[in-house]
Amino acid sequence: MISQHDTLANPKDSSIPQPASSTSRKSATMRTVRVAVPEHEPLEISLPGEQLTCQWLLDAVSARCISLMPDATGKVVALRTGNCNETMDFYLTLGERVLPPLSNNDTLIVYRAEPEERQREKRKEDFEIIKMIGKGGFSNVYEGKRVFASF
């Protein structure tokens, strides 16, 4: 079982994107960010290096959420700060940008896409025919009113 203190910087896990190698990696200090995931315990994520992008963080969080909750609906589409910092929230949406100066133990919140409901095809039974407008060689044209099903 995965504990809440697992980090995304585990080089043994090939499903998690790894940052580009950096020569200053050893001298950089390791920062930790908490990620609040709905219906799950918060995750603690270590950010190895200084040149990580916002897209790397989103991909890493998405990979971890899929590994923890494979049956969850909705793809991870965004992260936002726990203190509602609008400037930082906007910056996190810019995938190619280097991660903003997140403080140690900042909290980010996961946003998931709502699953799309498939609409069924419209059928003749979905309409009340008012009158025939025209008749052609291959079809008829009717004026109709949509009938909504009562529950």
N, C-alpha and C. Protein backbone atom coordinates (compact mmCIF):
# COMPACT_ATOMS: atom_id res chain seq x y z
N MET A 1 0.84 -1.19 0.00
CA MET A 1 0.00 0.00 0.00
C MET A 1 0.88 1.24 0.00
N ILE A 2 0.47 2.26 -0.67
CA ILE A 2 1.24 3.50 -0.79
C ILE A 2 0.88 4.41 0.37
N SER A 3 1.90 4.90 1.06
CA SER A 3 1.62 5.81 2.17
C SER A 3 1.53 7.23 1.64
N GLN A 4 1.01 8.11 2.48
CA GLN A 4 0.82 9.49 2.04
C GLN A 4 2.15 10.23 1.94
N HIS A 5 3.24 9.65 2.45
CA HIS A 5 4.52 10.33 2.42
C HIS A 5 5.39 9.88 1.26
N ASP A 6 4.83 9.08 0.32
CA ASP A 6 5.58 8.70 -0.87
C ASP A 6 5.85 9.95 -1.68
N THR A 7 6.97 9.97 -2.34
CA THR A 7 7.30 11.14 -3.15
C THR A 7 7.21 10.80 -4.62
N LEU A 8 7.08 11.83 -5.43
CA LEU A 8 7.02 11.64 -6.87
C LEU A 8 8.41 11.53 -7.47
N ALA A 9 9.41 11.74 -6.68
CA ALA A 9 10.77 11.73 -7.18
C ALA A 9 11.38 10.34 -7.13
N ASN A 10 10.60 9.29 -7.03
CA ASN A 10 11.09 7.93 -6.96
C ASN A 10 11.57 7.50 -8.34
N PRO A 11 12.87 7.36 -8.56
CA PRO A 11 13.36 7.03 -9.89
C PRO A 11 13.00 5.63 -10.33
N LYS A 12 12.58 4.75 -9.42
CA LYS A 12 12.22 3.38 -9.77
C LYS A 12 10.86 3.30 -10.44
N ASP A 13 10.02 4.30 -10.27
CA ASP A 13 8.68 4.29 -10.84
C ASP A 13 8.72 4.92 -12.23
N SER A 14 8.63 4.10 -13.28
CA SER A 14 8.77 4.60 -14.64
C SER A 14 7.51 5.30 -15.14
N SER A 15 6.38 5.16 -14.46
CA SER A 15 5.15 5.80 -14.91
C SER A 15 5.12 7.29 -14.56
N ILE A 16 6.02 7.71 -13.68
CA ILE A 16 6.05 9.11 -13.25
C ILE A 16 7.11 9.84 -14.04
N PRO A 17 6.77 10.97 -14.66
CA PRO A 17 7.75 11.70 -15.46
C PRO A 17 8.91 12.17 -14.61
N GLN A 18 10.11 12.01 -15.14
CA GLN A 18 11.31 12.42 -14.43
C GLN A 18 11.79 13.76 -14.97
N PRO A 19 12.28 14.64 -14.12
CA PRO A 19 12.77 15.93 -14.60
C PRO A 19 14.03 15.76 -15.43
N ALA A 20 14.30 16.75 -16.27
CA ALA A 20 15.53 16.73 -17.05
C ALA A 20 16.71 16.80 -16.10
N SER A 21 17.81 16.12 -16.46
CA SER A 21 18.95 16.11 -15.57
C SER A 21 19.56 17.51 -15.49
N SER A 22 20.09 17.81 -14.34
CA SER A 22 20.63 19.14 -14.10
C SER A 22 21.96 18.99 -13.36
N THR A 23 22.94 19.83 -13.68
CA THR A 23 24.22 19.76 -13.01
C THR A 23 24.14 20.31 -11.59
N SER A 24 23.18 21.19 -11.33
CA SER A 24 23.06 21.78 -10.00
C SER A 24 22.11 20.98 -9.12
N ARG A 25 21.76 19.77 -9.54
CA ARG A 25 20.78 18.96 -8.81
C ARG A 25 21.25 18.64 -7.40
N LYS A 26 22.54 18.31 -7.23
CA LYS A 26 23.03 17.93 -5.92
C LYS A 26 23.06 19.11 -4.96
N SER A 27 23.32 20.31 -5.47
CA SER A 27 23.43 21.47 -4.61
C SER A 27 22.07 22.10 -4.30
N ALA A 28 21.04 21.74 -5.07
CA ALA A 28 19.72 22.34 -4.86
C ALA A 28 19.06 21.75 -3.61
N THR A 29 18.30 22.58 -2.93
CA THR A 29 17.59 22.10 -1.76
C THR A 29 16.29 21.45 -2.21
N MET A 30 15.89 20.40 -1.50
CA MET A 30 14.68 19.67 -1.85
C MET A 30 13.49 20.37 -1.21
N ARG A 31 12.51 20.73 -2.05
CA ARG A 31 11.29 21.35 -1.54
C ARG A 31 10.18 20.30 -1.52
N THR A 32 9.24 20.47 -0.61
CA THR A 32 8.10 19.56 -0.50
C THR A 32 6.82 20.36 -0.66
N VAL A 33 5.89 19.82 -1.44
CA VAL A 33 4.59 20.44 -1.66
C VAL A 33 3.52 19.43 -1.30
N ARG A 34 2.50 19.87 -0.59
CA ARG A 34 1.36 18.99 -0.27
C ARG A 34 0.31 19.16 -1.36
N VAL A 35 -0.29 18.05 -1.79
CA VAL A 35 -1.33 18.08 -2.81
C VAL A 35 -2.58 17.46 -2.21
N ALA A 36 -3.64 18.28 -2.12
CA ALA A 36 -4.92 17.80 -1.59
C ALA A 36 -5.69 17.15 -2.73
N VAL A 37 -6.02 15.88 -2.56
CA VAL A 37 -6.76 15.12 -3.55
C VAL A 37 -8.14 14.81 -2.96
N PRO A 38 -9.23 15.21 -3.64
CA PRO A 38 -10.56 14.91 -3.11
C PRO A 38 -10.74 13.41 -2.89
N GLU A 39 -11.37 13.06 -1.80
CA GLU A 39 -11.67 11.68 -1.42
C GLU A 39 -10.42 10.84 -1.22
N HIS A 40 -9.33 11.47 -0.80
CA HIS A 40 -8.10 10.74 -0.53
C HIS A 40 -7.25 11.58 0.43
N GLU A 41 -6.31 10.92 1.09
CA GLU A 41 -5.41 11.64 1.98
C GLU A 41 -4.48 12.54 1.15
N PRO A 42 -4.04 13.66 1.71
CA PRO A 42 -3.12 14.53 0.97
C PRO A 42 -1.81 13.82 0.66
N LEU A 43 -1.22 14.16 -0.46
CA LEU A 43 0.06 13.60 -0.87
C LEU A 43 1.15 14.62 -0.57
N GLU A 44 2.33 14.13 -0.21
CA GLU A 44 3.49 15.01 -0.06
C GLU A 44 4.40 14.72 -1.23
N ILE A 45 4.75 15.75 -1.98
CA ILE A 45 5.55 15.60 -3.19
C ILE A 45 6.85 16.34 -3.03
N SER A 46 7.95 15.66 -3.28
CA SER A 46 9.26 16.30 -3.26
C SER A 46 9.57 16.82 -4.66
N LEU A 47 10.05 18.03 -4.73
CA LEU A 47 10.39 18.65 -6.01
C LEU A 47 11.90 18.64 -6.16
N PRO A 48 12.44 17.67 -6.91
CA PRO A 48 13.90 17.60 -7.07
C PRO A 48 14.37 18.58 -8.14
N GLY A 49 15.17 19.50 -7.79
CA GLY A 49 15.72 20.43 -8.77
C GLY A 49 14.96 21.73 -8.86
N GLU A 50 15.54 22.66 -9.58
CA GLU A 50 14.98 24.00 -9.72
C GLU A 50 14.35 24.25 -11.07
N GLN A 51 14.61 23.41 -12.08
CA GLN A 51 14.16 23.67 -13.44
C GLN A 51 12.94 22.84 -13.84
N LEU A 52 12.13 22.45 -12.89
CA LEU A 52 10.92 21.68 -13.19
C LEU A 52 9.86 22.63 -13.75
N THR A 53 9.04 22.12 -14.68
CA THR A 53 7.99 22.94 -15.26
C THR A 53 6.65 22.66 -14.60
N CYS A 54 5.72 23.57 -14.81
CA CYS A 54 4.36 23.38 -14.29
C CYS A 54 3.72 22.14 -14.92
N GLN A 55 4.02 21.87 -16.19
CA GLN A 55 3.47 20.69 -16.85
C GLN A 55 4.03 19.41 -16.23
N TRP A 56 5.31 19.41 -15.85
CA TRP A 56 5.89 18.26 -15.17
C TRP A 56 5.13 17.96 -13.88
N LEU A 57 4.86 19.00 -13.10
CA LEU A 57 4.14 18.81 -11.85
C LEU A 57 2.74 18.27 -12.09
N LEU A 58 2.02 18.83 -13.08
CA LEU A 58 0.68 18.35 -13.40
C LEU A 58 0.71 16.89 -13.86
N ASP A 59 1.67 16.53 -14.71
CA ASP A 59 1.79 15.15 -15.17
C ASP A 59 2.13 14.20 -14.03
N ALA A 60 3.01 14.63 -13.15
CA ALA A 60 3.41 13.81 -12.02
C ALA A 60 2.25 13.58 -11.06
N VAL A 61 1.49 14.64 -10.77
CA VAL A 61 0.32 14.50 -9.89
C VAL A 61 -0.72 13.61 -10.54
N SER A 62 -0.93 13.79 -11.84
CA SER A 62 -1.90 12.97 -12.56
C SER A 62 -1.50 11.49 -12.52
N ALA A 63 -0.22 11.19 -12.75
CA ALA A 63 0.26 9.81 -12.70
C ALA A 63 0.08 9.22 -11.31
N ARG A 64 0.35 10.00 -10.28
CA ARG A 64 0.19 9.49 -8.92
C ARG A 64 -1.28 9.25 -8.58
N CYS A 65 -2.16 10.15 -9.03
CA CYS A 65 -3.59 9.97 -8.78
C CYS A 65 -4.13 8.72 -9.48
N ILE A 66 -3.66 8.47 -10.70
CA ILE A 66 -4.09 7.27 -11.42
C ILE A 66 -3.60 6.02 -10.71
N SER A 67 -2.37 6.04 -10.19
CA SER A 67 -1.85 4.86 -9.49
C SER A 67 -2.55 4.64 -8.15
N LEU A 68 -2.97 5.72 -7.48
CA LEU A 68 -3.65 5.57 -6.19
C LEU A 68 -5.13 5.23 -6.35
N MET A 69 -5.77 5.84 -7.35
CA MET A 69 -7.21 5.68 -7.53
C MET A 69 -7.51 5.35 -9.00
N PRO A 70 -7.29 4.12 -9.43
CA PRO A 70 -7.51 3.80 -10.84
C PRO A 70 -8.97 3.89 -11.27
N ASP A 71 -9.90 3.77 -10.33
CA ASP A 71 -11.33 3.81 -10.68
C ASP A 71 -11.93 5.21 -10.61
N ALA A 72 -11.13 6.21 -10.24
CA ALA A 72 -11.66 7.58 -10.12
C ALA A 72 -12.05 8.11 -11.49
N THR A 73 -13.14 8.86 -11.51
CA THR A 73 -13.59 9.45 -12.77
C THR A 73 -13.03 10.85 -12.90
N GLY A 74 -12.76 11.23 -14.11
CA GLY A 74 -12.26 12.57 -14.38
C GLY A 74 -10.75 12.65 -14.36
N LYS A 75 -10.20 13.23 -15.38
CA LYS A 75 -8.77 13.43 -15.52
C LYS A 75 -8.34 14.66 -14.72
N VAL A 76 -7.14 14.61 -14.15
CA VAL A 76 -6.60 15.79 -13.45
C VAL A 76 -6.28 16.84 -14.51
N VAL A 77 -6.93 18.00 -14.41
CA VAL A 77 -6.74 19.03 -15.43
C VAL A 77 -6.03 20.27 -14.93
N ALA A 78 -6.00 20.48 -13.62
CA ALA A 78 -5.37 21.69 -13.12
C ALA A 78 -5.02 21.54 -11.64
N LEU A 79 -4.13 22.43 -11.21
CA LEU A 79 -3.78 22.55 -9.80
C LEU A 79 -3.97 24.01 -9.41
N ARG A 80 -4.37 24.24 -8.18
CA ARG A 80 -4.45 25.62 -7.70
C ARG A 80 -3.92 25.66 -6.28
N THR A 81 -3.57 26.84 -5.84
CA THR A 81 -3.01 26.99 -4.50
C THR A 81 -4.11 26.91 -3.45
N GLY A 82 -3.74 26.44 -2.28
CA GLY A 82 -4.70 26.31 -1.19
C GLY A 82 -5.13 27.64 -0.61
N ASN A 83 -4.29 28.68 -0.76
CA ASN A 83 -4.63 29.99 -0.21
C ASN A 83 -5.27 30.91 -1.24
N CYS A 84 -5.70 30.36 -2.39
CA CYS A 84 -6.40 31.11 -3.45
C CYS A 84 -5.61 32.30 -3.98
N ASN A 85 -4.32 32.11 -4.20
CA ASN A 85 -3.47 33.13 -4.77
C ASN A 85 -3.69 33.12 -6.28
N GLU A 86 -4.46 34.06 -6.81
CA GLU A 86 -4.84 34.06 -8.22
C GLU A 86 -3.66 34.15 -9.16
N THR A 87 -2.66 34.92 -8.82
CA THR A 87 -1.48 35.05 -9.67
C THR A 87 -0.76 33.71 -9.78
N MET A 88 -0.56 33.05 -8.66
CA MET A 88 0.10 31.75 -8.65
C MET A 88 -0.76 30.70 -9.36
N ASP A 89 -2.09 30.76 -9.16
CA ASP A 89 -3.00 29.81 -9.82
C ASP A 89 -2.90 29.94 -11.34
N PHE A 90 -2.85 31.17 -11.84
CA PHE A 90 -2.71 31.38 -13.28
C PHE A 90 -1.36 30.85 -13.76
N TYR A 91 -0.32 31.14 -13.02
CA TYR A 91 1.03 30.71 -13.40
C TYR A 91 1.10 29.19 -13.51
N LEU A 92 0.39 28.48 -12.62
CA LEU A 92 0.41 27.01 -12.65
C LEU A 92 -0.25 26.45 -13.91
N THR A 93 -1.07 27.24 -14.61
CA THR A 93 -1.71 26.77 -15.83
C THR A 93 -0.79 26.89 -17.05
N LEU A 94 0.33 27.59 -16.92
CA LEU A 94 1.26 27.78 -18.03
C LEU A 94 2.27 26.63 -18.02
N GLY A 95 1.97 25.58 -18.76
CA GLY A 95 2.72 24.34 -18.70
C GLY A 95 4.21 24.44 -18.96
N GLU A 96 4.63 25.29 -19.90
CA GLU A 96 6.04 25.34 -20.28
C GLU A 96 6.87 26.17 -19.30
N ARG A 97 6.24 26.88 -18.39
CA ARG A 97 6.96 27.75 -17.45
C ARG A 97 7.61 26.93 -16.33
N VAL A 98 8.73 27.44 -15.83
CA VAL A 98 9.39 26.83 -14.68
C VAL A 98 8.48 27.01 -13.47
N LEU A 99 8.46 25.99 -12.62
CA LEU A 99 7.58 26.07 -11.44
C LEU A 99 7.81 27.36 -10.67
N PRO A 100 6.74 27.98 -10.23
CA PRO A 100 6.88 29.23 -9.47
C PRO A 100 7.57 28.96 -8.14
N PRO A 101 7.98 30.02 -7.49
CA PRO A 101 8.67 29.84 -6.22
C PRO A 101 7.71 29.36 -5.12
N LEU A 102 7.43 28.07 -5.16
CA LEU A 102 6.57 27.49 -4.13
C LEU A 102 7.36 27.36 -2.84
N SER A 103 6.76 27.78 -1.75
CA SER A 103 7.41 27.64 -0.46
C SER A 103 7.35 26.19 -0.03
N ASN A 104 8.23 25.85 0.89
CA ASN A 104 8.22 24.51 1.42
C ASN A 104 6.89 24.26 2.14
N ASN A 105 6.26 23.14 1.89
CA ASN A 105 4.98 22.73 2.48
C ASN A 105 3.79 23.56 2.02
N ASP A 106 3.87 24.21 0.85
CA ASP A 106 2.69 24.85 0.26
C ASP A 106 1.67 23.76 -0.07
N THR A 107 0.39 24.14 -0.09
CA THR A 107 -0.66 23.18 -0.42
C THR A 107 -1.25 23.52 -1.77
N LEU A 108 -1.35 22.52 -2.63
CA LEU A 108 -2.00 22.64 -3.93
C LEU A 108 -3.24 21.76 -3.92
N ILE A 109 -4.27 22.17 -4.67
CA ILE A 109 -5.53 21.42 -4.72
C ILE A 109 -5.73 20.91 -6.14
N VAL A 110 -6.13 19.64 -6.26
CA VAL A 110 -6.34 19.00 -7.55
C VAL A 110 -7.73 19.31 -8.08
N TYR A 111 -7.80 19.65 -9.37
CA TYR A 111 -9.09 19.81 -10.06
C TYR A 111 -9.20 18.74 -11.13
N ARG A 112 -10.33 18.07 -11.15
CA ARG A 112 -10.58 17.01 -12.13
C ARG A 112 -11.63 17.47 -13.13
N ALA A 113 -11.57 16.94 -14.34
CA ALA A 113 -12.58 17.21 -15.35
C ALA A 113 -13.82 16.39 -15.02
N GLU A 114 -14.96 16.97 -15.24
CA GLU A 114 -16.21 16.24 -15.06
C GLU A 114 -16.37 15.26 -16.21
N PRO A 115 -16.74 14.02 -15.93
CA PRO A 115 -16.94 13.08 -17.03
C PRO A 115 -18.11 13.54 -17.90
N GLU A 116 -17.92 13.41 -19.21
CA GLU A 116 -18.95 13.85 -20.14
C GLU A 116 -20.04 12.79 -20.26
N GLU A 117 -21.27 13.26 -20.26
CA GLU A 117 -22.38 12.35 -20.48
C GLU A 117 -22.65 12.29 -21.97
N ARG A 118 -22.80 11.11 -22.46
CA ARG A 118 -23.09 10.95 -23.89
C ARG A 118 -24.55 11.24 -24.15
N GLN A 119 -24.81 12.02 -25.15
CA GLN A 119 -26.18 12.30 -25.55
C GLN A 119 -26.60 11.25 -26.56
N ARG A 120 -27.78 10.73 -26.38
CA ARG A 120 -28.26 9.75 -27.35
C ARG A 120 -28.76 10.47 -28.59
N GLU A 121 -28.82 9.74 -29.67
CA GLU A 121 -29.30 10.33 -30.92
C GLU A 121 -30.76 10.69 -30.81
N LYS A 122 -31.14 11.75 -31.49
CA LYS A 122 -32.55 12.16 -31.48
C LYS A 122 -33.32 11.24 -32.43
N ARG A 123 -34.52 10.89 -31.99
CA ARG A 123 -35.37 10.00 -32.79
C ARG A 123 -36.71 10.68 -33.04
N LYS A 124 -37.47 10.12 -33.93
CA LYS A 124 -38.78 10.65 -34.27
C LYS A 124 -39.69 10.69 -33.03
N GLU A 125 -39.53 9.74 -32.14
CA GLU A 125 -40.36 9.66 -30.93
C GLU A 125 -40.09 10.81 -29.95
N ASP A 126 -38.98 11.53 -30.13
CA ASP A 126 -38.63 12.65 -29.25
C ASP A 126 -39.39 13.93 -29.61
N PHE A 127 -40.17 13.90 -30.70
CA PHE A 127 -40.84 15.09 -31.19
C PHE A 127 -42.32 14.84 -31.41
N GLU A 128 -43.09 15.90 -31.20
CA GLU A 128 -44.52 15.90 -31.54
C GLU A 128 -44.64 16.62 -32.88
N ILE A 129 -45.14 15.91 -33.87
CA ILE A 129 -45.24 16.48 -35.21
C ILE A 129 -46.41 17.45 -35.25
N ILE A 130 -46.14 18.67 -35.69
CA ILE A 130 -47.17 19.70 -35.78
C ILE A 130 -47.79 19.70 -37.17
N LYS A 131 -46.95 19.77 -38.21
CA LYS A 131 -47.48 19.71 -39.58
C LYS A 131 -46.36 19.37 -40.55
N MET A 132 -46.74 18.90 -41.71
CA MET A 132 -45.77 18.61 -42.76
C MET A 132 -45.52 19.91 -43.53
N ILE A 133 -44.23 20.25 -43.68
CA ILE A 133 -43.86 21.48 -44.37
C ILE A 133 -43.64 21.22 -45.85
N GLY A 134 -43.03 20.10 -46.18
CA GLY A 134 -42.76 19.82 -47.59
C GLY A 134 -42.54 18.34 -47.83
N LYS A 135 -42.61 17.98 -49.11
CA LYS A 135 -42.43 16.60 -49.49
C LYS A 135 -41.51 16.57 -50.69
N GLY A 136 -40.47 15.74 -50.60
CA GLY A 136 -39.52 15.64 -51.69
C GLY A 136 -39.51 14.24 -52.26
N GLY A 137 -38.59 14.01 -53.19
CA GLY A 137 -38.48 12.70 -53.81
C GLY A 137 -37.97 11.63 -52.86
N PHE A 138 -37.16 12.02 -51.87
CA PHE A 138 -36.56 11.03 -50.98
C PHE A 138 -36.94 11.22 -49.52
N SER A 139 -37.57 12.35 -49.19
CA SER A 139 -37.88 12.58 -47.77
C SER A 139 -39.03 13.56 -47.61
N ASN A 140 -39.52 13.60 -46.39
CA ASN A 140 -40.55 14.56 -46.01
C ASN A 140 -39.97 15.48 -44.95
N VAL A 141 -40.41 16.73 -44.93
CA VAL A 141 -39.94 17.70 -43.94
C VAL A 141 -41.12 18.07 -43.06
N TYR A 142 -40.91 17.96 -41.74
CA TYR A 142 -41.97 18.23 -40.78
C TYR A 142 -41.57 19.33 -39.83
N GLU A 143 -42.55 20.08 -39.35
CA GLU A 143 -42.35 21.01 -38.25
C GLU A 143 -42.72 20.23 -37.00
N GLY A 144 -41.85 20.31 -35.99
CA GLY A 144 -42.12 19.54 -34.78
C GLY A 144 -41.78 20.30 -33.53
N LYS A 145 -42.25 19.76 -32.42
CA LYS A 145 -41.99 20.34 -31.11
C LYS A 145 -41.36 19.23 -30.27
N ARG A 146 -40.28 19.55 -29.61
CA ARG A 146 -39.59 18.54 -28.81
C ARG A 146 -40.42 18.18 -27.58
N VAL A 147 -40.52 16.89 -27.34
CA VAL A 147 -41.26 16.38 -26.18
C VAL A 147 -40.23 15.93 -25.15
N PHE A 148 -40.31 16.47 -23.94
CA PHE A 148 -39.39 16.09 -22.88
C PHE A 148 -40.02 15.00 -22.05
N ALA A 149 -39.23 14.01 -21.71
CA ALA A 149 -39.73 12.90 -20.90
C ALA A 149 -39.99 13.39 -19.48
N SER A 150 -41.09 12.97 -18.91
CA SER A 150 -41.40 13.34 -17.53
C SER A 150 -40.88 12.23 -16.62
N PHE A 151 -40.34 12.63 -15.49
CA PHE A 151 -39.73 11.66 -14.58
C PHE A 151 -40.69 11.27 -13.51
